[in-house]
């Protein structure tokens, strides 16, 4: 399993999470966990996804999430979970 952490921050509008989830579903990427909060109109989403199940590799996912971020007008960041774990252990 290759876990990737996807974060999104921006002004909340209708359909942001739906567009992200649709992208993952269409590309066979399994969402393992998702959390979302909204504070005074600012949305913050964190997802852990398994890209091993999908049709896209990490670099392609990163490029396409950048394009999606422009569509939903939010900042999207992607990092491999094992990279976060390495930082935490240092």
Protein backbone atom coordinates (compact mmCIF):
# COMPACT_ATOMS: atom_id res chain seq x y z
CA UNK A 1 0.00 0.00 0.00
CA UNK A 2 1.43 3.40 -0.98
CA UNK A 3 -0.25 5.99 1.21
CA UNK A 4 -0.31 9.64 0.19
CA UNK A 5 -1.50 12.55 2.30
CA UNK A 6 -3.50 15.17 0.38
CA UNK A 7 -4.31 18.48 2.05
CA UNK A 8 -6.51 21.27 0.75
CA UNK A 9 -7.04 24.77 2.14
CA UNK A 10 -9.16 27.55 0.65
CA UNK A 11 -12.41 29.42 0.73
CA UNK A 12 -15.30 26.99 1.00
CA UNK A 13 -17.51 26.63 -2.04
CA UNK A 14 -19.97 23.99 -3.17
CA UNK A 15 -18.43 20.89 -4.71
CA UNK A 16 -14.78 21.05 -3.58
CA UNK A 17 -14.76 17.68 -1.82
CA UNK A 18 -17.03 16.17 -4.47
CA UNK A 19 -14.58 17.08 -7.22
CA UNK A 20 -11.65 15.61 -5.32
CA UNK A 21 -13.53 12.41 -4.49
CA UNK A 22 -14.76 12.08 -8.07
CA UNK A 23 -11.18 12.37 -9.34
CA UNK A 24 -10.02 9.64 -6.95
CA UNK A 25 -12.95 7.36 -7.83
CA UNK A 26 -12.47 7.78 -11.59
CA UNK A 27 -8.80 6.87 -11.21
CA UNK A 28 -9.26 3.88 -8.89
CA UNK A 29 -7.60 5.61 -5.94
CA UNK A 30 -8.92 4.42 -2.58
CA UNK A 31 -9.63 7.05 0.07
CA UNK A 32 -8.52 5.50 3.36
CA UNK A 33 -9.46 8.40 5.63
CA UNK A 34 -10.80 11.93 5.28
CA UNK A 35 -11.33 14.84 7.67
CA UNK A 36 -12.77 18.26 6.91
CA UNK A 37 -13.27 21.39 8.93
CA UNK A 38 -14.60 24.79 8.02
CA UNK A 39 -13.84 27.88 10.07
CA UNK A 40 -15.37 31.23 9.07
CA UNK A 41 -15.67 30.15 5.46
CA UNK A 42 -12.19 28.62 5.20
CA UNK A 43 -12.17 24.91 4.40
CA UNK A 44 -9.39 22.56 5.45
CA UNK A 45 -9.42 18.99 4.16
CA UNK A 46 -6.95 16.20 4.80
CA UNK A 47 -7.17 12.86 3.02
CA UNK A 48 -5.07 9.75 3.20
CA UNK A 49 -5.32 7.83 -0.05
CA UNK A 50 -3.82 4.61 -1.38
CA UNK A 51 -2.38 5.30 -4.83
CA UNK A 52 -1.20 1.72 -5.25
CA UNK A 53 -4.79 0.75 -6.10
CA UNK A 54 -5.07 3.45 -8.75
CA UNK A 55 -4.16 4.17 -12.33
CA UNK A 56 -1.87 7.11 -11.48
CA UNK A 57 1.61 7.26 -10.02
CA UNK A 58 2.70 9.84 -7.45
CA UNK A 59 4.15 12.35 -9.95
CA UNK A 60 1.09 12.21 -12.21
CA UNK A 61 -1.21 12.54 -9.20
CA UNK A 62 0.73 15.59 -8.04
CA UNK A 63 0.44 17.25 -11.47
CA UNK A 64 -3.27 16.52 -11.78
CA UNK A 65 -4.03 17.65 -8.22
CA UNK A 66 -2.28 20.95 -9.07
CA UNK A 67 -4.66 21.35 -12.03
CA UNK A 68 -7.64 20.44 -9.83
CA UNK A 69 -6.50 23.01 -7.25
CA UNK A 70 -6.88 25.72 -9.89
CA UNK A 71 -10.37 24.46 -10.72
CA UNK A 72 -11.54 24.55 -7.09
CA UNK A 73 -9.48 27.68 -6.29
CA UNK A 74 -7.73 26.12 -3.30
CA UNK A 75 -4.20 25.23 -2.28
CA UNK A 76 -3.58 21.49 -2.56
CA UNK A 77 -0.48 19.79 -1.21
CA UNK A 78 0.55 16.15 -1.65
CA UNK A 79 3.20 14.19 0.22
CA UNK A 80 3.97 10.53 0.68
CA UNK A 81 3.00 9.38 4.18
CA UNK A 82 6.33 7.65 4.71
CA UNK A 83 8.10 11.00 4.16
CA UNK A 84 6.05 12.50 6.99
CA UNK A 85 6.88 9.54 9.18
CA UNK A 86 10.60 9.99 8.46
CA UNK A 87 10.44 13.65 9.50
CA UNK A 88 8.61 12.74 12.71
CA UNK A 89 11.25 10.17 13.63
CA UNK A 90 14.21 12.52 13.06
